PDB file of N, CA and C in Angstrom:
ATOM      1  N   UNK A   1       0.837  -1.168   0.000  1.00  0.00           N
ATOM      2  CA  UNK A   1       0.000   0.000   0.000  1.00  0.00           C
ATOM      3  C   UNK A   1       0.876   1.222   0.000  1.00  0.00           C
ATOM      4  N   UNK A   2       0.493   2.193  -0.793  1.00  0.00           N
ATOM      5  CA  UNK A   2       1.153   3.487  -0.805  1.00  0.00           C
ATOM      6  C   UNK A   2       0.140   4.521  -0.342  1.00  0.00           C
ATOM      7  N   UNK A   3       0.546   5.381   0.563  1.00  0.00           N
ATOM      8  CA  UNK A   3      -0.309   6.429   1.096  1.00  0.00           C
ATOM      9  C   UNK A   3       0.321   7.759   0.739  1.00  0.00           C
ATOM     10  N   UNK A   4      -0.347   8.548  -0.080  1.00  0.00           N
ATOM     11  CA  UNK A   4       0.168   9.843  -0.517  1.00  0.00           C
ATOM     12  C   UNK A   4      -0.605  10.948   0.190  1.00  0.00           C
ATOM     13  N   UNK A   5       0.089  11.702   1.027  1.00  0.00           N
ATOM     14  CA  UNK A   5      -0.574  12.752   1.798  1.00  0.00           C
ATOM     15  C   UNK A   5      -0.447  14.123   1.166  1.00  0.00           C
ATOM     16  N   UNK A   6       0.328  14.259   0.118  1.00  0.00           N
ATOM     17  CA  UNK A   6       0.519  15.569  -0.474  1.00  0.00           C
ATOM     18  C   UNK A   6      -0.051  15.713  -1.860  1.00  0.00           C
ATOM     19  N   UNK A   7      -0.045  14.632  -2.611  1.00  0.00           N
ATOM     20  CA  UNK A   7      -0.495  14.578  -3.996  1.00  0.00           C
ATOM     21  C   UNK A   7       0.335  15.491  -4.897  1.00  0.00           C
ATOM     22  N   UNK A   8       1.629  15.559  -4.652  1.00  0.00           N
ATOM     23  CA  UNK A   8       2.530  16.263  -5.558  1.00  0.00           C
ATOM     24  C   UNK A   8       2.832  15.350  -6.738  1.00  0.00           C
ATOM     25  N   UNK A   9       3.028  15.907  -7.903  1.00  0.00           N
ATOM     26  CA  UNK A   9       3.219  15.090  -9.099  1.00  0.00           C
ATOM     27  C   UNK A   9       4.392  14.112  -8.980  1.00  0.00           C
ATOM     28  N   UNK A  10       5.543  14.535  -8.427  1.00  0.00           N
ATOM     29  CA  UNK A  10       6.647  13.564  -8.311  1.00  0.00           C
ATOM     30  C   UNK A  10       6.308  12.355  -7.433  1.00  0.00           C
ATOM     31  N   UNK A  11       5.546  12.555  -6.353  1.00  0.00           N
ATOM     32  CA  UNK A  11       5.219  11.416  -5.498  1.00  0.00           C
ATOM     33  C   UNK A  11       4.172  10.523  -6.151  1.00  0.00           C
ATOM     34  N   UNK A  12       3.218  11.103  -6.849  1.00  0.00           N
ATOM     35  CA  UNK A  12       2.221  10.296  -7.564  1.00  0.00           C
ATOM     36  C   UNK A  12       2.914   9.438  -8.621  1.00  0.00           C
ATOM     37  N   UNK A  13       3.839  10.030  -9.362  1.00  0.00           N
ATOM     38  CA  UNK A  13       4.572   9.281 -10.391  1.00  0.00           C
ATOM     39  C   UNK A  13       5.370   8.139  -9.779  1.00  0.00           C
ATOM     40  N   UNK A  14       6.055   8.410  -8.667  1.00  0.00           N
ATOM     41  CA  UNK A  14       6.847   7.381  -7.996  1.00  0.00           C
ATOM     42  C   UNK A  14       5.958   6.255  -7.480  1.00  0.00           C
ATOM     43  N   UNK A  15       4.901   6.596  -6.793  1.00  0.00           N
ATOM     44  CA  UNK A  15       4.032   5.573  -6.214  1.00  0.00           C
ATOM     45  C   UNK A  15       3.368   4.717  -7.282  1.00  0.00           C
ATOM     46  N   UNK A  16       2.938   5.341  -8.366  1.00  0.00           N
ATOM     47  CA  UNK A  16       2.286   4.558  -9.415  1.00  0.00           C
ATOM     48  C   UNK A  16       3.264   3.594 -10.072  1.00  0.00           C
ATOM     49  N   UNK A  17       4.558   3.925 -10.035  1.00  0.00           N
ATOM     50  CA  UNK A  17       5.544   3.009 -10.603  1.00  0.00           C
ATOM     51  C   UNK A  17       5.929   1.896  -9.622  1.00  0.00           C
ATOM     52  N   UNK A  18       5.660   2.084  -8.333  1.00  0.00           N
ATOM     53  CA  UNK A  18       6.067   1.118  -7.311  1.00  0.00           C
ATOM     54  C   UNK A  18       4.991   0.101  -6.945  1.00  0.00           C
ATOM     55  N   UNK A  19       3.725   0.463  -7.116  1.00  0.00           N
ATOM     56  CA  UNK A  19       2.685  -0.470  -6.688  1.00  0.00           C
ATOM     57  C   UNK A  19       2.678  -1.694  -7.593  1.00  0.00           C
ATOM     58  N   UNK A  20       2.362  -2.819  -7.001  1.00  0.00           N
ATOM     59  CA  UNK A  20       2.344  -4.077  -7.744  1.00  0.00           C
ATOM     60  C   UNK A  20       0.956  -4.684  -7.745  1.00  0.00           C
ATOM     61  N   UNK A  21       0.894  -5.927  -8.130  1.00  0.00           N
ATOM     62  CA  UNK A  21      -0.372  -6.663  -8.192  1.00  0.00           C
ATOM     63  C   UNK A  21      -1.049  -6.676  -6.820  1.00  0.00           C
ATOM     64  N   UNK A  22      -2.349  -6.465  -6.800  1.00  0.00           N
ATOM     65  CA  UNK A  22      -3.150  -6.447  -5.577  1.00  0.00           C
ATOM     66  C   UNK A  22      -2.705  -5.366  -4.590  1.00  0.00           C
ATOM     67  N   UNK A  23      -2.232  -4.242  -5.101  1.00  0.00           N
ATOM     68  CA  UNK A  23      -1.784  -3.127  -4.258  1.00  0.00           C
ATOM     69  C   UNK A  23      -2.880  -2.086  -4.124  1.00  0.00           C
ATOM     70  N   UNK A  24      -2.655  -1.169  -3.191  1.00  0.00           N
ATOM     71  CA  UNK A  24      -3.550  -0.030  -3.016  1.00  0.00           C
ATOM     72  C   UNK A  24      -2.732   1.245  -3.029  1.00  0.00           C
ATOM     73  N   UNK A  25      -3.239   2.221  -3.729  1.00  0.00           N
ATOM     74  CA  UNK A  25      -2.671   3.562  -3.712  1.00  0.00           C
ATOM     75  C   UNK A  25      -3.758   4.482  -3.189  1.00  0.00           C
ATOM     76  N   UNK A  26      -3.509   5.089  -2.034  1.00  0.00           N
ATOM     77  CA  UNK A  26      -4.492   5.995  -1.446  1.00  0.00           C
ATOM     78  C   UNK A  26      -3.927   7.403  -1.522  1.00  0.00           C
ATOM     79  N   UNK A  27      -4.659   8.274  -2.200  1.00  0.00           N
ATOM     80  CA  UNK A  27      -4.227   9.656  -2.403  1.00  0.00           C
ATOM     81  C   UNK A  27      -5.109  10.542  -1.534  1.00  0.00           C
ATOM     82  N   UNK A  28      -4.512  11.136  -0.507  1.00  0.00           N
ATOM     83  CA  UNK A  28      -5.263  11.936   0.442  1.00  0.00           C
ATOM     84  C   UNK A  28      -5.122  13.425   0.144  1.00  0.00           C
ATOM     85  N   UNK A  29      -3.986  13.854  -0.383  1.00  0.00           N
ATOM     86  CA  UNK A  29      -3.736  15.271  -0.622  1.00  0.00           C
ATOM     87  C   UNK A  29      -4.582  15.848  -1.733  1.00  0.00           C
ATOM     88  N   UNK A  30      -4.550  17.159  -1.825  1.00  0.00           N
ATOM     89  CA  UNK A  30      -5.339  17.863  -2.829  1.00  0.00           C
ATOM     90  C   UNK A  30      -4.484  18.838  -3.631  1.00  0.00           C
ATOM     91  N   UNK A  31      -3.242  18.471  -3.925  1.00  0.00           N
ATOM     92  CA  UNK A  31      -2.345  19.383  -4.637  1.00  0.00           C
ATOM     93  C   UNK A  31      -2.627  19.448  -6.135  1.00  0.00           C
ATOM     94  N   UNK A  32      -3.433  18.547  -6.652  1.00  0.00           N
ATOM     95  CA  UNK A  32      -3.833  18.632  -8.053  1.00  0.00           C
ATOM     96  C   UNK A  32      -3.001  17.823  -9.027  1.00  0.00           C
ATOM     97  N   UNK A  33      -2.261  16.842  -8.543  1.00  0.00           N
ATOM     98  CA  UNK A  33      -1.463  16.000  -9.445  1.00  0.00           C
ATOM     99  C   UNK A  33      -2.386  15.117 -10.288  1.00  0.00           C
ATOM    100  N   UNK A  34      -1.831  14.574 -11.344  1.00  0.00           N
ATOM    101  CA  UNK A  34      -2.585  13.727 -12.263  1.00  0.00           C
ATOM    102  C   UNK A  34      -2.033  12.312 -12.245  1.00  0.00           C
ATOM    103  N   UNK A  35      -2.922  11.344 -12.112  1.00  0.00           N
ATOM    104  CA  UNK A  35      -2.556   9.938 -12.207  1.00  0.00           C
ATOM    105  C   UNK A  35      -3.168   9.401 -13.491  1.00  0.00           C
ATOM    106  N   UNK A  36      -2.328   9.097 -14.445  1.00  0.00           N
ATOM    107  CA  UNK A  36      -2.807   8.546 -15.714  1.00  0.00           C
ATOM    108  C   UNK A  36      -2.796   7.029 -15.616  1.00  0.00           C
ATOM    109  N   UNK A  37      -3.909   6.425 -15.929  1.00  0.00           N
ATOM    110  CA  UNK A  37      -3.953   4.967 -15.883  1.00  0.00           C
ATOM    111  C   UNK A  37      -4.969   4.448 -16.884  1.00  0.00           C
ATOM    112  N   UNK A  38      -4.736   3.214 -17.274  1.00  0.00           N
ATOM    113  CA  UNK A  38      -5.678   2.492 -18.113  1.00  0.00           C
ATOM    114  C   UNK A  38      -5.491   1.012 -17.806  1.00  0.00           C
ATOM    115  N   UNK A  39      -6.155   0.168 -18.524  1.00  0.00           N
ATOM    116  CA  UNK A  39      -6.101  -1.265 -18.249  1.00  0.00           C
ATOM    117  C   UNK A  39      -4.694  -1.839 -18.382  1.00  0.00           C
ATOM    118  N   UNK A  40      -3.814  -1.177 -19.100  1.00  0.00           N
ATOM    119  CA  UNK A  40      -2.456  -1.691 -19.301  1.00  0.00           C
ATOM    120  C   UNK A  40      -1.429  -1.108 -18.337  1.00  0.00           C
ATOM    121  N   UNK A  41      -1.792  -0.077 -17.566  1.00  0.00           N
ATOM    122  CA  UNK A  41      -0.804   0.543 -16.693  1.00  0.00           C
ATOM    123  C   UNK A  41      -0.974   0.194 -15.222  1.00  0.00           C
ATOM    124  N   UNK A  42      -2.172  -0.167 -14.788  1.00  0.00           N
ATOM    125  CA  UNK A  42      -2.406  -0.561 -13.401  1.00  0.00           C
ATOM    126  C   UNK A  42      -2.530  -2.082 -13.356  1.00  0.00           C
ATOM    127  N   UNK A  43      -1.784  -2.708 -12.452  1.00  0.00           N
ATOM    128  CA  UNK A  43      -1.769  -4.167 -12.379  1.00  0.00           C
ATOM    129  C   UNK A  43      -3.088  -4.723 -11.854  1.00  0.00           C
ATOM    130  N   UNK A  44      -3.386  -5.953 -12.232  1.00  0.00           N
ATOM    131  CA  UNK A  44      -4.618  -6.618 -11.817  1.00  0.00           C
ATOM    132  C   UNK A  44      -4.762  -6.622 -10.306  1.00  0.00           C
ATOM    133  N   UNK A  45      -5.963  -6.357  -9.860  1.00  0.00           N
ATOM    134  CA  UNK A  45      -6.262  -6.380  -8.440  1.00  0.00           C
ATOM    135  C   UNK A  45      -5.873  -5.123  -7.695  1.00  0.00           C
ATOM    136  N   UNK A  46      -5.252  -4.170  -8.352  1.00  0.00           N
ATOM    137  CA  UNK A  46      -4.836  -2.939  -7.689  1.00  0.00           C
ATOM    138  C   UNK A  46      -6.013  -1.990  -7.529  1.00  0.00           C
ATOM    139  N   UNK A  47      -5.923  -1.154  -6.517  1.00  0.00           N
ATOM    140  CA  UNK A  47      -6.971  -0.174  -6.235  1.00  0.00           C
ATOM    141  C   UNK A  47      -6.349   1.201  -6.069  1.00  0.00           C
ATOM    142  N   UNK A  48      -7.008   2.196  -6.601  1.00  0.00           N
ATOM    143  CA  UNK A  48      -6.631   3.589  -6.378  1.00  0.00           C
ATOM    144  C   UNK A  48      -7.803   4.243  -5.670  1.00  0.00           C
ATOM    145  N   UNK A  49      -7.530   4.796  -4.492  1.00  0.00           N
ATOM    146  CA  UNK A  49      -8.585   5.417  -3.701  1.00  0.00           C
ATOM    147  C   UNK A  49      -8.259   6.883  -3.471  1.00  0.00           C
ATOM    148  N   UNK A  50      -9.261   7.721  -3.601  1.00  0.00           N
ATOM    149  CA  UNK A  50      -9.106   9.145  -3.360  1.00  0.00           C
ATOM    150  C   UNK A  50     -10.219   9.576  -2.398  1.00  0.00           C
ATOM    151  N   UNK A  51     -10.020   9.310  -1.111  1.00  0.00           N
ATOM    152  CA  UNK A  51     -11.046   9.705  -0.148  1.00  0.00           C
ATOM    153  C   UNK A  51     -11.051  11.220  -0.010  1.00  0.00           C
ATOM    154  N   UNK A  52     -12.199  11.782   0.048  1.00  0.00           N
ATOM    155  CA  UNK A  52     -12.323  13.234   0.172  1.00  0.00           C
ATOM    156  C   UNK A  52     -13.339  13.512   1.274  1.00  0.00           C
ATOM    157  N   UNK A  53     -12.856  13.579   2.475  1.00  0.00           N
ATOM    158  CA  UNK A  53     -13.730  13.754   3.617  1.00  0.00           C
ATOM    159  C   UNK A  53     -12.910  14.286   4.775  1.00  0.00           C
ATOM    160  N   UNK A  54     -13.577  14.776   5.771  1.00  0.00           N
ATOM    161  CA  UNK A  54     -12.952  15.116   7.035  1.00  0.00           C
ATOM    162  C   UNK A  54     -12.237  16.451   7.056  1.00  0.00           C
ATOM    163  N   UNK A  55     -11.792  16.763   8.239  1.00  0.00           N
ATOM    164  CA  UNK A  55     -11.086  18.019   8.494  1.00  0.00           C
ATOM    165  C   UNK A  55      -9.596  17.758   8.631  1.00  0.00           C
ATOM    166  N   UNK A  56      -8.829  18.817   8.675  1.00  0.00           N
ATOM    167  CA  UNK A  56      -7.384  18.684   8.887  1.00  0.00           C
ATOM    168  C   UNK A  56      -7.102  17.997  10.226  1.00  0.00           C
ATOM    169  N   UNK A  57      -7.867  18.352  11.246  1.00  0.00           N
ATOM    170  CA  UNK A  57      -7.688  17.729  12.565  1.00  0.00           C
ATOM    171  C   UNK A  57      -7.924  16.224  12.497  1.00  0.00           C
ATOM    172  N   UNK A  58      -8.925  15.803  11.729  1.00  0.00           N
ATOM    173  CA  UNK A  58      -9.198  14.370  11.585  1.00  0.00           C
ATOM    174  C   UNK A  58      -8.073  13.678  10.821  1.00  0.00           C
ATOM    175  N   UNK A  59      -7.502  14.350   9.831  1.00  0.00           N
ATOM    176  CA  UNK A  59      -6.365  13.781   9.099  1.00  0.00           C
ATOM    177  C   UNK A  59      -5.176  13.583  10.036  1.00  0.00           C
ATOM    178  N   UNK A  60      -4.910  14.552  10.888  1.00  0.00           N
ATOM    179  CA  UNK A  60      -3.815  14.440  11.855  1.00  0.00           C
ATOM    180  C   UNK A  60      -4.064  13.264  12.793  1.00  0.00           C
ATOM    181  N   UNK A  61      -5.310  13.061  13.179  1.00  0.00           N
ATOM    182  CA  UNK A  61      -5.659  11.934  14.042  1.00  0.00           C
ATOM    183  C   UNK A  61      -5.436  10.596  13.321  1.00  0.00           C
ATOM    184  N   UNK A  62      -5.798  10.519  12.050  1.00  0.00           N
ATOM    185  CA  UNK A  62      -5.590   9.293  11.277  1.00  0.00           C
ATOM    186  C   UNK A  62      -4.100   8.979  11.163  1.00  0.00           C
ATOM    187  N   UNK A  63      -3.285   9.989  10.913  1.00  0.00           N
ATOM    188  CA  UNK A  63      -1.835   9.789  10.807  1.00  0.00           C
ATOM    189  C   UNK A  63      -1.276   9.309  12.136  1.00  0.00           C
ATOM    190  N   UNK A  64      -1.752   9.887  13.241  1.00  0.00           N
ATOM    191  CA  UNK A  64      -1.301   9.451  14.568  1.00  0.00           C
ATOM    192  C   UNK A  64      -1.679   8.000  14.819  1.00  0.00           C
ATOM    193  N   UNK A  65      -2.871   7.608  14.422  1.00  0.00           N
ATOM    194  CA  UNK A  65      -3.280   6.214  14.580  1.00  0.00           C
ATOM    195  C   UNK A  65      -2.406   5.272  13.752  1.00  0.00           C
ATOM    196  N   UNK A  66      -2.079   5.688  12.547  1.00  0.00           N
ATOM    197  CA  UNK A  66      -1.220   4.856  11.691  1.00  0.00           C
ATOM    198  C   UNK A  66       0.166   4.705  12.305  1.00  0.00           C
ATOM    199  N   UNK A  67       0.680   5.770  12.866  1.00  0.00           N
ATOM    200  CA  UNK A  67       2.013   5.710  13.503  1.00  0.00           C
ATOM    201  C   UNK A  67       2.023   4.785  14.717  1.00  0.00           C
ATOM    202  N   UNK A  68       0.920   4.765  15.446  1.00  0.00           N
ATOM    203  CA  UNK A  68       0.885   3.974  16.669  1.00  0.00           C
ATOM    204  C   UNK A  68       0.734   2.475  16.407  1.00  0.00           C
ATOM    205  N   UNK A  69       0.450   2.140  15.147  1.00  0.00           N
ATOM    206  CA  UNK A  69       0.378   0.725  14.768  1.00  0.00           C
ATOM    207  C   UNK A  69      -0.987   0.186  14.954  1.00  0.00           C
TER     208      UNK A  69
END
């Protein structure tokens, strides 16, 4: 799983090149980067998620939960 918190174009490009079969790419940031994909560029079983909800405070809480394991 790749978690992108900024959505800068260089990180989107890197993550899309690193994910493999049955992977997840979650893009949380709103910087406006573009992820180009089609049936030949994303591996089978992979998911790209762009959740758009919550406040900045809730995002900080989610990151803290992820850090705590």
